[in-house]
Amino acid sequence: PKLKTLDIRDYQLNAIPEPVFGMSNLTNLQLPRCSIELTGQSVNALATLEKLQTLDLSHNLLGRTPDLRNLKACETLRLNNTGLTDVPVGLFDLPHLIDASLSDNAITELPDPLPLAADGRAITYNFSNNPLSPQSQRSLGTYNTANELRLAEERKRWVRPGQELDDFRDSDFSDGEELPEA
């Protein structure tokens, strides 16, 4: 089982196929719109796929909330329209997460405040179309404002367009010997 990517879409699986949990090299698991329902056993088995960088179970009424604590390599998470009522355990502790979509669910409560990444990385969380409590809406708004400020600071550090070309033109490609001026 050296498979790294499994992408099955719009196919009636009803469950994550059992052999998937033995695929220790799997980095990309995408099973949107496959009528997947999680069991206690599949929640536990999913948590063992520690190399997953992308997990997409969107548009499946999962029935249970996945446990993300062990998915330390996860960068992209798609759990939109899955019927979730709670934020998955471990979501805010994923050290490489960049983008998480949990839109179109029934989540009402978010942590206050939403944790910022320890390394200063900007993480995009999409909780749109969830019946968030007023406090959770404020928490998400505060997080998004801080995230935008971080992104703006990051953009300021970027080199202005064309600067690399200016630097290249000014480079001295000699072998170190001075040439007489003409």
Protein backbone atom coordinates (compact mmCIF):
# COMPACT_ATOMS: atom_id res chain seq x y z
CA PRO A 1 0.00 0.00 0.00
CA LYS A 2 2.30 2.77 -1.25
CA LEU A 3 -0.67 4.79 -2.46
CA LYS A 4 -0.32 8.47 -1.58
CA THR A 5 -3.52 9.88 -3.05
CA LEU A 6 -7.03 8.48 -3.02
CA ASP A 7 -9.66 10.64 -4.70
CA ILE A 8 -13.15 9.18 -5.13
CA ARG A 9 -16.01 11.58 -5.80
CA ASP A 10 -19.76 11.25 -6.15
CA TYR A 11 -19.78 7.51 -5.54
CA GLN A 12 -21.97 5.76 -2.98
CA LEU A 13 -19.39 4.30 -0.58
CA ASN A 14 -21.45 4.66 2.64
CA ALA A 15 -18.24 4.31 4.69
CA ILE A 16 -14.54 4.92 4.31
CA PRO A 17 -13.29 1.66 2.79
CA GLU A 18 -11.51 -0.43 5.44
CA PRO A 19 -8.29 -0.87 3.37
CA VAL A 20 -7.79 2.92 3.45
CA PHE A 21 -6.87 2.72 7.13
CA GLY A 22 -3.93 0.44 6.31
CA MET A 23 -2.48 2.89 3.78
CA SER A 24 0.31 4.28 5.93
CA ASN A 25 1.76 6.44 3.11
CA LEU A 26 -1.53 8.14 2.27
CA THR A 27 -1.12 11.93 2.18
CA ASN A 28 -4.24 12.94 0.27
CA LEU A 29 -7.68 11.48 1.05
CA GLN A 30 -10.57 13.00 -0.87
CA LEU A 31 -13.99 11.36 -0.63
CA PRO A 32 -16.54 14.15 -1.23
CA ARG A 33 -20.16 13.27 -1.96
CA CYS A 34 -19.72 9.55 -1.21
CA SER A 35 -22.56 9.16 1.34
CA ILE A 36 -20.00 8.42 4.05
CA GLU A 37 -21.15 7.97 7.62
CA LEU A 38 -18.53 7.63 10.34
CA THR A 39 -18.72 5.03 13.10
CA GLY A 40 -16.80 5.04 16.36
CA GLN A 41 -14.39 2.57 14.79
CA SER A 42 -13.86 4.64 11.62
CA VAL A 43 -13.33 7.83 13.67
CA ASN A 44 -10.55 6.03 15.56
CA ALA A 45 -9.09 4.50 12.40
CA LEU A 46 -9.12 7.86 10.56
CA ALA A 47 -7.13 9.35 13.44
CA THR A 48 -4.27 6.92 12.66
CA LEU A 49 -3.64 8.39 9.18
CA GLU A 50 -0.93 10.68 10.53
CA LYS A 51 0.64 11.54 7.14
CA LEU A 52 -2.53 13.04 5.68
CA GLN A 53 -1.88 16.51 4.29
CA THR A 54 -5.31 16.84 2.69
CA LEU A 55 -8.54 15.44 4.08
CA ASP A 56 -11.77 16.08 2.17
CA LEU A 57 -14.94 14.46 3.48
CA SER A 58 -17.17 17.31 2.33
CA HIS A 59 -20.81 16.79 1.40
CA ASN A 60 -21.14 13.60 3.46
CA LEU A 61 -23.49 13.49 6.45
CA LEU A 62 -20.80 12.02 8.71
CA GLY A 63 -22.96 11.46 11.80
CA ARG A 64 -19.87 11.77 14.04
CA THR A 65 -17.17 14.37 14.38
CA PRO A 66 -13.70 13.30 13.24
CA ASP A 67 -10.84 13.43 15.75
CA LEU A 68 -8.00 15.45 14.20
CA ARG A 69 -5.49 15.38 17.07
CA ASN A 70 -3.08 12.98 15.34
CA LEU A 71 -3.27 14.49 11.86
CA LYS A 72 -0.21 16.67 12.45
CA ALA A 73 0.73 16.85 8.73
CA CYS A 74 -2.71 18.16 7.70
CA GLU A 75 -2.55 21.36 5.62
CA THR A 76 -5.98 21.37 3.98
CA LEU A 77 -9.20 20.24 5.60
CA ARG A 78 -12.60 20.09 3.90
CA LEU A 79 -15.45 19.19 6.23
CA ASN A 80 -18.06 21.50 4.74
CA ASN A 81 -21.66 20.31 4.58
CA THR A 82 -21.06 17.26 6.77
CA GLY A 83 -23.70 17.85 9.45
CA LEU A 84 -21.13 18.65 12.15
CA THR A 85 -22.51 20.23 15.31
CA ASP A 86 -19.14 20.56 17.05
CA VAL A 87 -15.69 21.72 16.03
CA PRO A 88 -13.49 18.63 15.58
CA VAL A 89 -11.12 17.95 18.47
CA GLY A 90 -7.60 18.98 17.50
CA LEU A 91 -8.60 21.42 14.74
CA PHE A 92 -6.84 24.38 16.33
CA ASP A 93 -3.70 22.36 17.17
CA LEU A 94 -2.71 21.23 13.67
CA PRO A 95 0.84 22.59 13.20
CA HIS A 96 0.77 22.76 9.37
CA LEU A 97 -2.85 23.71 8.74
CA ILE A 98 -3.33 26.46 6.14
CA ASP A 99 -6.97 26.16 5.14
CA ALA A 100 -9.97 24.59 6.89
CA SER A 101 -13.48 24.68 5.49
CA LEU A 102 -16.25 23.78 7.91
CA SER A 103 -18.98 25.80 6.23
CA ASP A 104 -22.61 24.73 5.89
CA ASN A 105 -22.75 22.75 9.12
CA ALA A 106 -24.63 23.16 12.41
CA ILE A 107 -21.70 24.41 14.54
CA THR A 108 -22.80 26.96 17.13
CA GLU A 109 -19.77 27.40 19.40
CA LEU A 110 -16.14 28.30 18.69
CA PRO A 111 -13.37 28.83 21.24
CA ASP A 112 -13.02 32.36 22.57
CA PRO A 113 -10.58 33.56 21.50
CA LEU A 114 -9.84 31.49 18.40
CA PRO A 115 -6.23 30.37 18.84
CA LEU A 116 -3.59 31.91 16.60
CA ALA A 117 -0.93 29.66 15.13
CA ALA A 118 2.12 29.60 17.42
CA ASP A 119 4.46 30.15 14.46
CA GLY A 120 2.52 33.19 13.23
CA ARG A 121 1.23 31.36 10.15
CA ALA A 122 -2.03 32.66 8.72
CA ILE A 123 -4.74 29.98 8.76
CA THR A 124 -7.99 30.48 6.90
CA TYR A 125 -11.01 29.06 8.69
CA ASN A 126 -14.33 29.04 6.85
CA PHE A 127 -17.29 28.69 9.21
CA SER A 128 -19.81 30.41 6.93
CA ASN A 129 -23.42 29.21 7.00
CA ASN A 130 -23.16 27.82 10.52
CA PRO A 131 -25.58 29.06 13.21
CA LEU A 132 -22.74 30.53 15.29
CA SER A 133 -23.63 32.13 18.61
CA PRO A 134 -23.08 35.91 18.84
CA GLN A 135 -19.96 35.30 20.99
CA SER A 136 -18.57 32.85 18.41
CA GLN A 137 -19.25 35.36 15.63
CA ARG A 138 -17.29 38.00 17.57
CA SER A 139 -14.47 35.55 18.22
CA LEU A 140 -14.27 34.66 14.52
CA GLY A 141 -14.40 38.34 13.54
CA THR A 142 -11.54 39.16 15.91
CA TYR A 143 -9.52 36.25 14.55
CA ASN A 144 -10.16 37.27 10.93
CA THR A 145 -9.09 40.86 11.65
CA ALA A 146 -5.85 39.68 13.27
CA ASN A 147 -5.29 37.28 10.36
CA GLU A 148 -5.72 40.10 7.83
CA LEU A 149 -3.20 42.24 9.73
CA ARG A 150 -0.73 39.35 9.71
CA LEU A 151 -1.20 38.87 5.98
CA ALA A 152 -0.74 42.60 5.35
CA GLU A 153 2.54 42.55 7.33
CA GLU A 154 3.66 39.53 5.33
CA ARG A 155 2.89 41.32 2.06
CA LYS A 156 5.00 44.31 3.17
CA ARG A 157 8.01 42.00 3.51
CA TRP A 158 7.60 40.73 -0.03
CA VAL A 159 9.98 42.19 -2.58
CA ARG A 160 8.36 44.84 -4.74
CA PRO A 161 7.67 43.72 -8.34
CA GLY A 162 10.73 44.13 -10.56
CA GLN A 163 13.20 44.48 -7.69
CA GLU A 164 14.82 41.14 -8.51
CA LEU A 165 15.48 42.40 -12.06
CA ASP A 166 16.97 45.67 -10.74
CA ASP A 167 19.19 43.67 -8.38
CA PHE A 168 20.25 41.41 -11.27
CA ARG A 169 21.19 44.39 -13.47
CA ASP A 170 23.34 45.81 -10.67
CA SER A 171 25.18 42.53 -10.06
CA ASP A 172 28.88 42.26 -10.75
CA PHE A 173 29.66 39.06 -12.58
CA SER A 174 33.41 39.50 -12.66
CA ASP A 175 35.78 36.90 -11.30
CA GLY A 176 36.94 39.33 -8.71
CA GLU A 177 39.63 41.04 -10.79
CA GLU A 178 39.22 44.68 -11.36
CA LEU A 179 39.04 45.69 -15.02
CA PRO A 180 40.62 48.95 -16.04
CA GLU A 181 38.11 51.67 -16.57
CA ALA A 182 37.68 52.71 -20.17
